[in-house]
Each structure stands twice: as structure tokens, then as C-alpha cells.
């Protein structure tokens, strides 16, 4: 009797609220996702480098004080962070694919098959940052069937092969 109660409680506590994915869905692995992220990071950095070079050129031509340079550096850093956040949020919520994901032919969707919304994209991005220490948030990609990292679990998303039809 106690065993049945313990099993019932365990099933209730550990039940999945998310729908099971059908067989044959191809989930993106760690290498593919890492390459896609590296491409995205390079694009984000190239845009930041270009803007920084233009600002440096302007400061070279037009002399400004040290205080102005300090304010420009702080504003530039803040603008870079906003740019990086906007990059991921925009692409995940509009197409489900960043340019890096498109190159690697993968797509981010919610576990119910719907496109990612703003709140989910913000949660996913926050989860990416939270999972960075020792890359602990990324280990599940290597060991779980659906290859979901911490940020995927937090935002209820999966990363699938882009040629796959949206999961019902």
C-alpha cells in the first residue's frame, strides 16, 4: 500500500505538463547549436565593431573632453547590450531563427509547436546567461532525448531541424 502511494505521488510530482513530441522529430545537438551561436556572436560583434569604429573616427576628427569620452564608452556599452538582446529577441519572435540558426538549418519553437513570444524569448535569453557558469545549463543538451538546455526548459522551447514541420 505504501509503495503504491509513493509511486502515485512520484508520478503526480514528476508528470510532464508539456506534450510529448512525435517520433521522427529531429532535435538540434550541441555542436550545431554552438556553431549557430558563434555565427550570431560574430555578427553581433561585427556590428558593434563597425559602430565603435565610426564613433572613434568622429572622436578623432572632433576633439572632445575626457568626460565626454567616458560617457560615450558607458553609453556604447549599454547600447551594445541592448543590441545583443534585441538581436536574439527579434529573430526568435519573428522567424524562430537567428541568422546563425538559418545557416545551421535549425529553428527555435515552443514545445507546443507555436512560435516563441516576447516573454518566452526574454526568459530563454535570461536562461542562457544563468546557465553560463561552468556551462552547467548546457549539459542537458548532451544527455537528454530532446536536447534541451536549461534555457529551453525555462522557456518551454525546443530547437529542431528547420526542415521539420511545426509540431502539433
N, C-alpha and C. Protein backbone atom coordinates (compact mmCIF):
# COMPACT_ATOMS: atom_id res chain seq x y z
N UNK A 1 0.82 -1.19 0.00
CA UNK A 1 0.00 0.00 0.00
C UNK A 1 0.86 1.26 0.00
N UNK A 2 1.92 1.28 0.84
CA UNK A 2 2.79 2.45 0.91
C UNK A 2 3.57 2.63 -0.38
N UNK A 3 3.92 1.51 -1.04
CA UNK A 3 4.65 1.59 -2.31
C UNK A 3 3.76 2.22 -3.37
N UNK A 4 2.51 1.79 -3.44
CA UNK A 4 1.58 2.35 -4.43
C UNK A 4 1.37 3.84 -4.18
N UNK A 5 1.27 4.25 -2.94
CA UNK A 5 1.09 5.66 -2.63
C UNK A 5 2.32 6.46 -3.02
N UNK A 6 3.50 5.94 -2.75
CA UNK A 6 4.74 6.62 -3.10
C UNK A 6 4.86 6.74 -4.62
N UNK A 7 4.51 5.68 -5.33
CA UNK A 7 4.58 5.73 -6.80
C UNK A 7 3.57 6.73 -7.36
N UNK A 8 2.37 6.73 -6.82
CA UNK A 8 1.35 7.67 -7.27
C UNK A 8 1.80 9.10 -7.04
N UNK A 9 2.36 9.36 -5.85
CA UNK A 9 2.86 10.69 -5.54
C UNK A 9 4.00 11.08 -6.48
N UNK A 10 4.92 10.15 -6.74
CA UNK A 10 6.04 10.43 -7.64
C UNK A 10 5.55 10.75 -9.04
N UNK A 11 4.56 10.01 -9.55
CA UNK A 11 4.01 10.28 -10.88
C UNK A 11 3.34 11.65 -10.94
N UNK A 12 2.65 12.00 -9.86
CA UNK A 12 1.97 13.28 -9.82
C UNK A 12 2.98 14.43 -9.78
N UNK A 13 4.05 14.29 -8.99
CA UNK A 13 5.05 15.33 -8.84
C UNK A 13 5.88 15.48 -10.12
N UNK A 14 6.22 14.37 -10.74
CA UNK A 14 7.13 14.39 -11.88
C UNK A 14 6.43 14.28 -13.23
N UNK A 15 5.14 14.49 -13.25
CA UNK A 15 4.43 14.37 -14.52
C UNK A 15 4.87 15.48 -15.47
N UNK A 16 4.71 15.23 -16.73
CA UNK A 16 5.07 16.22 -17.73
C UNK A 16 3.83 16.98 -18.14
N UNK A 17 3.91 18.31 -18.03
CA UNK A 17 2.80 19.14 -18.48
C UNK A 17 2.93 19.48 -19.95
N UNK A 18 4.10 19.21 -20.51
CA UNK A 18 4.34 19.53 -21.90
C UNK A 18 4.01 18.33 -22.76
N UNK A 19 3.51 18.55 -23.96
CA UNK A 19 3.15 17.45 -24.82
C UNK A 19 4.37 16.66 -25.26
N UNK A 20 4.19 15.37 -25.39
CA UNK A 20 5.25 14.52 -25.92
C UNK A 20 5.43 14.82 -27.40
N UNK A 21 6.66 14.80 -27.85
CA UNK A 21 6.93 15.06 -29.25
C UNK A 21 6.80 13.77 -30.04
N UNK A 22 6.28 13.85 -31.26
CA UNK A 22 6.14 12.65 -32.06
C UNK A 22 7.50 12.10 -32.47
N UNK A 23 7.53 10.80 -32.73
CA UNK A 23 8.76 10.16 -33.18
C UNK A 23 9.15 10.75 -34.53
N UNK A 24 10.44 10.82 -34.79
CA UNK A 24 10.90 11.32 -36.06
C UNK A 24 11.26 12.79 -36.08
N UNK A 25 10.95 13.52 -34.99
CA UNK A 25 11.33 14.93 -34.92
C UNK A 25 12.83 14.97 -34.65
N UNK A 26 13.53 15.77 -35.41
CA UNK A 26 14.98 15.86 -35.30
C UNK A 26 15.35 17.08 -34.47
N UNK A 27 15.92 16.84 -33.30
CA UNK A 27 16.32 17.93 -32.40
C UNK A 27 17.77 18.30 -32.68
N UNK A 28 18.08 19.59 -32.61
CA UNK A 28 19.44 20.07 -32.87
C UNK A 28 20.35 19.73 -31.70
N UNK A 29 21.54 19.28 -32.01
CA UNK A 29 22.50 18.89 -30.99
C UNK A 29 23.41 20.04 -30.58
N UNK A 30 24.32 19.73 -29.68
CA UNK A 30 25.20 20.72 -29.11
C UNK A 30 26.14 21.38 -30.09
N UNK A 31 26.73 20.62 -30.99
CA UNK A 31 27.69 21.18 -31.95
C UNK A 31 26.98 22.15 -32.89
N UNK A 32 25.85 21.72 -33.43
CA UNK A 32 25.09 22.58 -34.34
C UNK A 32 24.67 23.87 -33.66
N UNK A 33 24.18 23.76 -32.45
CA UNK A 33 23.74 24.94 -31.71
C UNK A 33 24.91 25.85 -31.37
N UNK A 34 26.06 25.28 -31.05
CA UNK A 34 27.24 26.08 -30.72
C UNK A 34 27.74 26.84 -31.95
N UNK A 35 27.77 26.19 -33.09
CA UNK A 35 28.20 26.87 -34.32
C UNK A 35 27.24 27.99 -34.67
N UNK A 36 25.93 27.73 -34.54
CA UNK A 36 24.94 28.77 -34.82
C UNK A 36 25.14 29.96 -33.88
N UNK A 37 25.39 29.69 -32.61
CA UNK A 37 25.61 30.78 -31.65
C UNK A 37 26.89 31.55 -31.98
N UNK A 38 27.93 30.85 -32.40
CA UNK A 38 29.19 31.51 -32.76
C UNK A 38 28.99 32.44 -33.95
N UNK A 39 28.20 32.01 -34.92
CA UNK A 39 27.89 32.87 -36.07
C UNK A 39 27.14 34.11 -35.61
N UNK A 40 26.14 33.91 -34.75
CA UNK A 40 25.38 35.05 -34.23
C UNK A 40 26.27 36.00 -33.43
N UNK A 41 27.14 35.46 -32.60
CA UNK A 41 28.06 36.30 -31.81
C UNK A 41 28.97 37.09 -32.73
N UNK A 42 29.45 36.47 -33.81
CA UNK A 42 30.32 37.18 -34.76
C UNK A 42 29.56 38.32 -35.43
N UNK A 43 28.30 38.09 -35.81
CA UNK A 43 27.51 39.14 -36.44
C UNK A 43 27.23 40.30 -35.48
N UNK A 44 26.90 39.96 -34.24
CA UNK A 44 26.65 40.99 -33.22
C UNK A 44 27.93 41.80 -32.99
N UNK A 45 29.06 41.11 -32.87
CA UNK A 45 30.33 41.80 -32.63
C UNK A 45 30.76 42.64 -33.82
N UNK A 46 30.54 42.15 -35.05
CA UNK A 46 30.90 42.93 -36.23
C UNK A 46 30.11 44.23 -36.30
N UNK A 47 28.82 44.16 -35.98
CA UNK A 47 28.01 45.38 -35.97
C UNK A 47 28.52 46.34 -34.89
N UNK A 48 28.83 45.82 -33.71
CA UNK A 48 29.37 46.65 -32.64
C UNK A 48 30.72 47.25 -33.00
N UNK A 49 31.56 46.46 -33.66
CA UNK A 49 32.87 46.94 -34.08
C UNK A 49 32.74 48.06 -35.11
N UNK A 50 31.82 47.91 -36.03
CA UNK A 50 31.60 48.94 -37.04
C UNK A 50 31.14 50.25 -36.40
N UNK A 51 30.16 50.16 -35.52
CA UNK A 51 29.66 51.36 -34.84
C UNK A 51 30.77 51.98 -33.99
N UNK A 52 31.53 51.15 -33.30
CA UNK A 52 32.64 51.66 -32.48
C UNK A 52 33.70 52.35 -33.33
N UNK A 53 33.98 51.81 -34.51
CA UNK A 53 34.96 52.43 -35.40
C UNK A 53 34.48 53.79 -35.89
N UNK A 54 33.19 53.89 -36.21
CA UNK A 54 32.63 55.17 -36.65
C UNK A 54 32.71 56.20 -35.52
N UNK A 55 32.35 55.81 -34.32
CA UNK A 55 32.41 56.73 -33.17
C UNK A 55 33.85 57.13 -32.90
N UNK A 56 34.78 56.20 -32.97
CA UNK A 56 36.19 56.53 -32.76
C UNK A 56 36.69 57.51 -33.82
N UNK A 57 36.26 57.32 -35.06
CA UNK A 57 36.64 58.24 -36.13
C UNK A 57 36.10 59.65 -35.86
N UNK A 58 34.85 59.72 -35.43
CA UNK A 58 34.26 61.02 -35.11
C UNK A 58 35.03 61.67 -33.97
N UNK A 59 35.37 60.92 -32.94
CA UNK A 59 36.12 61.48 -31.81
C UNK A 59 37.54 61.88 -32.22
N UNK A 60 38.08 61.22 -33.22
CA UNK A 60 39.41 61.58 -33.71
C UNK A 60 39.36 62.92 -34.46
N UNK A 61 38.28 63.10 -35.22
CA UNK A 61 38.14 64.32 -36.03
C UNK A 61 37.69 65.50 -35.17
N UNK A 62 36.73 65.26 -34.29
CA UNK A 62 36.19 66.31 -33.43
C UNK A 62 36.73 66.09 -32.02
N UNK A 63 37.62 66.96 -31.56
CA UNK A 63 38.17 66.76 -30.21
C UNK A 63 37.10 66.95 -29.13
N UNK A 64 37.10 66.03 -28.18
CA UNK A 64 36.15 66.09 -27.07
C UNK A 64 36.92 65.87 -25.77
N UNK A 65 36.30 66.24 -24.68
CA UNK A 65 36.94 66.10 -23.37
C UNK A 65 36.89 64.66 -22.87
N UNK A 66 37.67 64.43 -21.82
CA UNK A 66 37.75 63.09 -21.23
C UNK A 66 36.41 62.65 -20.67
N UNK A 67 35.67 63.58 -20.06
CA UNK A 67 34.35 63.24 -19.52
C UNK A 67 33.40 62.79 -20.63
N UNK A 68 33.45 63.45 -21.76
CA UNK A 68 32.60 63.08 -22.89
C UNK A 68 32.96 61.69 -23.39
N UNK A 69 34.23 61.39 -23.45
CA UNK A 69 34.67 60.04 -23.88
C UNK A 69 34.18 58.97 -22.90
N UNK A 70 34.27 59.27 -21.62
CA UNK A 70 33.81 58.31 -20.61
C UNK A 70 32.32 58.05 -20.75
N UNK A 71 31.54 59.11 -20.92
CA UNK A 71 30.09 58.96 -21.10
C UNK A 71 29.82 58.16 -22.37
N UNK A 72 30.56 58.42 -23.44
CA UNK A 72 30.37 57.71 -24.70
C UNK A 72 30.67 56.22 -24.55
N UNK A 73 31.70 55.90 -23.80
CA UNK A 73 32.04 54.49 -23.57
C UNK A 73 30.92 53.78 -22.80
N UNK A 74 30.43 54.43 -21.75
CA UNK A 74 29.34 53.83 -20.96
C UNK A 74 28.09 53.66 -21.82
N UNK A 75 27.72 54.70 -22.56
CA UNK A 75 26.55 54.61 -23.44
C UNK A 75 26.75 53.57 -24.53
N UNK A 76 27.96 53.49 -25.05
CA UNK A 76 28.26 52.48 -26.07
C UNK A 76 28.14 51.07 -25.54
N UNK A 77 28.61 50.85 -24.32
CA UNK A 77 28.49 49.53 -23.70
C UNK A 77 27.03 49.15 -23.48
N UNK A 78 26.26 50.12 -22.98
CA UNK A 78 24.82 49.87 -22.76
C UNK A 78 24.11 49.61 -24.09
N UNK A 79 24.47 50.38 -25.12
CA UNK A 79 23.85 50.19 -26.44
C UNK A 79 24.20 48.82 -27.01
N UNK A 80 25.43 48.36 -26.76
CA UNK A 80 25.83 47.03 -27.24
C UNK A 80 25.01 45.93 -26.58
N UNK A 81 24.79 46.04 -25.28
CA UNK A 81 23.98 45.05 -24.56
C UNK A 81 22.54 45.05 -25.09
N UNK A 82 21.98 46.23 -25.27
CA UNK A 82 20.62 46.34 -25.82
C UNK A 82 20.56 45.75 -27.22
N UNK A 83 21.58 46.03 -28.04
CA UNK A 83 21.65 45.48 -29.41
C UNK A 83 21.68 43.95 -29.38
N UNK A 84 22.50 43.36 -28.52
CA UNK A 84 22.61 41.90 -28.44
C UNK A 84 21.28 41.28 -28.00
N UNK A 85 20.63 41.88 -27.01
CA UNK A 85 19.33 41.38 -26.55
C UNK A 85 18.30 41.49 -27.65
N UNK A 86 18.24 42.65 -28.29
CA UNK A 86 17.26 42.88 -29.35
C UNK A 86 17.47 41.93 -30.52
N UNK A 87 18.72 41.62 -30.84
CA UNK A 87 19.04 40.70 -31.93
C UNK A 87 18.35 39.35 -31.73
N UNK A 88 18.60 38.76 -30.56
CA UNK A 88 18.01 37.44 -30.31
C UNK A 88 16.49 37.51 -30.19
N UNK A 89 15.98 38.47 -29.44
CA UNK A 89 14.54 38.59 -29.24
C UNK A 89 13.82 38.76 -30.57
N UNK A 90 14.33 39.64 -31.42
CA UNK A 90 13.70 39.92 -32.71
C UNK A 90 13.63 38.65 -33.57
N UNK A 91 14.74 37.99 -33.73
CA UNK A 91 14.76 36.82 -34.62
C UNK A 91 13.96 35.65 -34.05
N UNK A 92 14.06 35.40 -32.74
CA UNK A 92 13.31 34.29 -32.16
C UNK A 92 11.81 34.51 -32.25
N UNK A 93 11.36 35.75 -32.07
CA UNK A 93 9.91 36.00 -32.07
C UNK A 93 9.34 36.19 -33.47
N UNK A 94 10.16 36.53 -34.44
CA UNK A 94 9.62 36.75 -35.79
C UNK A 94 9.71 35.50 -36.65
N UNK A 95 10.88 34.88 -36.73
CA UNK A 95 11.05 33.73 -37.62
C UNK A 95 11.42 32.45 -36.88
N UNK A 96 11.81 32.57 -35.62
CA UNK A 96 12.27 31.40 -34.88
C UNK A 96 13.71 31.04 -35.21
N UNK A 97 14.34 31.84 -36.08
CA UNK A 97 15.70 31.56 -36.49
C UNK A 97 16.53 32.83 -36.50
N UNK A 98 17.67 32.80 -35.82
CA UNK A 98 18.64 33.86 -35.98
C UNK A 98 19.40 33.57 -37.28
N UNK A 99 20.18 34.50 -37.79
CA UNK A 99 20.97 34.18 -38.98
C UNK A 99 21.87 32.95 -38.79
N UNK A 100 22.45 32.81 -37.60
CA UNK A 100 23.26 31.62 -37.32
C UNK A 100 22.42 30.34 -37.36
N UNK A 101 21.21 30.40 -36.82
CA UNK A 101 20.31 29.25 -36.87
C UNK A 101 19.94 28.92 -38.31
N UNK A 102 19.72 29.95 -39.12
CA UNK A 102 19.36 29.74 -40.52
C UNK A 102 20.50 29.04 -41.27
N UNK A 103 21.73 29.49 -41.02
CA UNK A 103 22.89 28.86 -41.67
C UNK A 103 22.98 27.39 -41.27
N UNK A 104 22.73 27.10 -40.00
CA UNK A 104 22.83 25.72 -39.50
C UNK A 104 21.53 24.93 -39.68
N UNK A 105 20.52 25.58 -40.24
CA UNK A 105 19.22 24.96 -40.55
C UNK A 105 18.53 24.40 -39.31
N UNK A 106 18.47 25.25 -38.27
CA UNK A 106 17.73 24.90 -37.06
C UNK A 106 16.77 26.02 -36.73
N UNK A 107 15.78 25.71 -35.88
CA UNK A 107 14.74 26.69 -35.54
C UNK A 107 14.31 26.49 -34.09
N UNK A 108 13.99 27.60 -33.42
CA UNK A 108 13.51 27.56 -32.04
C UNK A 108 11.99 27.71 -32.07
N UNK A 109 11.31 26.76 -31.43
CA UNK A 109 9.85 26.83 -31.29
C UNK A 109 9.47 26.45 -29.87
N UNK A 110 8.26 26.77 -29.50
CA UNK A 110 7.75 26.34 -28.20
C UNK A 110 7.44 24.85 -28.26
N UNK A 111 7.36 24.21 -27.12
CA UNK A 111 7.11 22.77 -27.09
C UNK A 111 5.74 22.40 -27.65
N UNK A 112 4.81 23.36 -27.69
CA UNK A 112 3.50 23.07 -28.28
C UNK A 112 3.49 23.34 -29.78
N UNK A 113 4.65 23.71 -30.35
CA UNK A 113 4.77 23.93 -31.78
C UNK A 113 4.53 25.35 -32.22
N UNK A 114 4.12 26.21 -31.31
CA UNK A 114 3.83 27.61 -31.65
C UNK A 114 5.13 28.42 -31.70
N UNK A 115 5.09 29.55 -32.40
CA UNK A 115 6.27 30.42 -32.40
C UNK A 115 6.51 31.00 -31.00
N UNK A 116 7.74 31.37 -30.77
CA UNK A 116 8.12 31.96 -29.49
C UNK A 116 7.56 33.37 -29.37
N UNK A 117 7.06 33.70 -28.21
CA UNK A 117 6.54 35.05 -27.94
C UNK A 117 7.59 35.85 -27.18
N UNK A 118 7.32 37.15 -27.01
CA UNK A 118 8.28 38.05 -26.37
C UNK A 118 8.70 37.57 -24.99
N UNK A 119 7.73 37.22 -24.15
CA UNK A 119 8.05 36.79 -22.79
C UNK A 119 8.91 35.54 -22.81
N UNK A 120 8.57 34.58 -23.64
CA UNK A 120 9.35 33.34 -23.75
C UNK A 120 10.77 33.60 -24.25
N UNK A 121 10.90 34.54 -25.19
CA UNK A 121 12.22 34.87 -25.72
C UNK A 121 13.08 35.52 -24.63
N UNK A 122 12.48 36.40 -23.83
CA UNK A 122 13.21 37.03 -22.74
C UNK A 122 13.64 36.00 -21.69
N UNK A 123 12.74 35.08 -21.36
CA UNK A 123 13.06 34.02 -20.39
C UNK A 123 14.17 33.14 -20.94
N UNK A 124 14.09 32.81 -22.22
CA UNK A 124 15.12 31.96 -22.85
C UNK A 124 16.48 32.65 -22.80
N UNK A 125 16.52 33.92 -23.12
CA UNK A 125 17.79 34.67 -23.11
C UNK A 125 18.34 34.76 -21.68
N UNK A 126 17.47 35.02 -20.71
CA UNK A 126 17.91 35.06 -19.31
C UNK A 126 18.46 33.70 -18.89
N UNK A 127 17.81 32.62 -19.32
CA UNK A 127 18.28 31.28 -19.01
C UNK A 127 19.64 30.98 -19.63
N UNK A 128 19.88 31.54 -20.82
CA UNK A 128 21.20 31.35 -21.45
C UNK A 128 22.30 31.96 -20.59
N UNK A 129 22.02 33.12 -20.02
CA UNK A 129 23.00 33.80 -19.16
C UNK A 129 23.15 33.05 -17.84
N UNK A 130 22.03 32.63 -17.24
CA UNK A 130 22.07 31.91 -15.97
C UNK A 130 22.84 30.60 -16.10
N UNK A 131 22.73 29.94 -17.24
CA UNK A 131 23.39 28.64 -17.44
C UNK A 131 24.85 28.73 -17.79
N UNK A 132 25.41 29.93 -17.92
CA UNK A 132 26.81 30.08 -18.32
C UNK A 132 27.85 29.59 -17.32
N UNK A 133 27.68 29.82 -16.02
CA UNK A 133 28.74 29.36 -15.10
C UNK A 133 29.01 27.87 -15.27
N UNK A 134 30.23 27.57 -15.62
CA UNK A 134 30.70 26.20 -15.87
C UNK A 134 29.90 25.49 -16.97
N UNK A 135 29.15 26.26 -17.73
CA UNK A 135 28.31 25.73 -18.82
C UNK A 135 27.31 24.69 -18.32
N UNK A 136 26.98 24.75 -17.03
CA UNK A 136 26.10 23.75 -16.42
C UNK A 136 24.72 23.74 -17.05
N UNK A 137 24.24 24.88 -17.50
CA UNK A 137 22.92 24.94 -18.12
C UNK A 137 22.86 24.31 -19.50
N UNK A 138 24.03 24.01 -20.05
CA UNK A 138 24.09 23.46 -21.41
C UNK A 138 24.34 21.95 -21.43
N UNK A 139 24.68 21.37 -20.31
CA UNK A 139 24.94 19.93 -20.22
C UNK A 139 23.73 19.10 -20.66
N UNK A 140 22.49 19.47 -20.30
CA UNK A 140 21.35 18.65 -20.72
C UNK A 140 21.24 18.45 -22.23
N UNK A 141 21.79 19.36 -23.02
CA UNK A 141 21.76 19.19 -24.48
C UNK A 141 22.48 17.90 -24.86
N UNK A 142 23.49 17.55 -24.10
CA UNK A 142 24.30 16.37 -24.41
C UNK A 142 23.68 15.07 -23.91
N UNK A 143 22.80 15.15 -22.92
CA UNK A 143 22.36 13.90 -22.29
C UNK A 143 20.85 13.64 -22.34
N UNK A 144 20.05 14.59 -22.80
CA UNK A 144 18.61 14.36 -22.84
C UNK A 144 18.15 14.02 -24.25
N UNK A 145 17.02 13.32 -24.34
CA UNK A 145 16.49 12.90 -25.64
C UNK A 145 16.11 14.07 -26.52
N UNK A 146 15.51 15.09 -25.92
CA UNK A 146 15.04 16.24 -26.70
C UNK A 146 16.09 17.34 -26.81
N UNK A 147 17.27 17.10 -26.23
CA UNK A 147 18.41 18.01 -26.33
C UNK A 147 18.07 19.44 -25.91
N UNK A 148 17.42 19.54 -24.77
CA UNK A 148 17.00 20.85 -24.26
C UNK A 148 17.97 21.31 -23.19
N UNK A 149 18.47 22.54 -23.34
CA UNK A 149 19.32 23.17 -22.33
C UNK A 149 18.43 23.78 -21.25
N UNK A 150 19.06 24.31 -20.22
CA UNK A 150 18.32 24.96 -19.13
C UNK A 150 17.39 26.03 -19.68
N UNK A 151 17.90 26.86 -20.58
CA UNK A 151 17.08 27.96 -21.11
C UNK A 151 15.91 27.44 -21.94
N UNK A 152 16.05 26.29 -22.57
CA UNK A 152 14.92 25.69 -23.30
C UNK A 152 13.85 25.22 -22.31
N UNK A 153 14.27 24.60 -21.24
CA UNK A 153 13.32 24.14 -20.23
C UNK A 153 12.60 25.32 -19.59
N UNK A 154 13.34 26.39 -19.30
CA UNK A 154 12.75 27.57 -18.66
C UNK A 154 11.71 28.23 -19.57
N UNK A 155 11.99 28.28 -20.87
CA UNK A 155 11.10 28.98 -21.81
C UNK A 155 10.14 28.03 -22.52
N UNK A 156 10.18 26.74 -22.17
CA UNK A 156 9.33 25.73 -22.81
C UNK A 156 9.53 25.72 -24.32
N UNK A 157 10.82 25.61 -24.72
CA UNK A 157 11.15 25.60 -26.14
C UNK A 157 11.93 24.35 -26.49
N UNK A 158 12.00 24.06 -27.79
CA UNK A 158 12.88 23.04 -28.33
C UNK A 158 13.55 23.64 -29.56
N UNK A 159 14.70 23.11 -29.90
CA UNK A 159 15.41 23.53 -31.11
C UNK A 159 15.39 22.34 -32.05
N UNK A 160 14.74 22.54 -33.20
CA UNK A 160 14.54 21.44 -34.13
C UNK A 160 15.20 21.74 -35.47
N UNK A 161 15.30 20.72 -36.28
CA UNK A 161 15.76 20.88 -37.66
C UNK A 161 14.77 21.80 -38.36
N UNK A 162 15.24 22.80 -39.06
CA UNK A 162 14.36 23.79 -39.69
C UNK A 162 13.48 23.19 -40.78
N UNK A 163 13.86 22.05 -41.32
CA UNK A 163 13.03 21.44 -42.36
C UNK A 163 11.82 20.72 -41.78
N UNK A 164 11.82 20.53 -40.44
CA UNK A 164 10.70 19.87 -39.79
C UNK A 164 9.48 20.78 -39.84
N UNK A 165 8.34 20.19 -39.99
CA UNK A 165 7.08 20.94 -39.90
C UNK A 165 6.85 21.28 -38.45
N UNK A 166 6.11 22.34 -38.20
CA UNK A 166 5.81 22.73 -36.83
C UNK A 166 5.10 21.59 -36.14
N UNK A 167 5.51 21.30 -34.92
CA UNK A 167 4.97 20.19 -34.14
C UNK A 167 3.56 20.53 -33.70
N UNK A 168 2.61 19.62 -33.89
CA UNK A 168 1.22 19.92 -33.48
C UNK A 168 1.07 20.01 -31.98
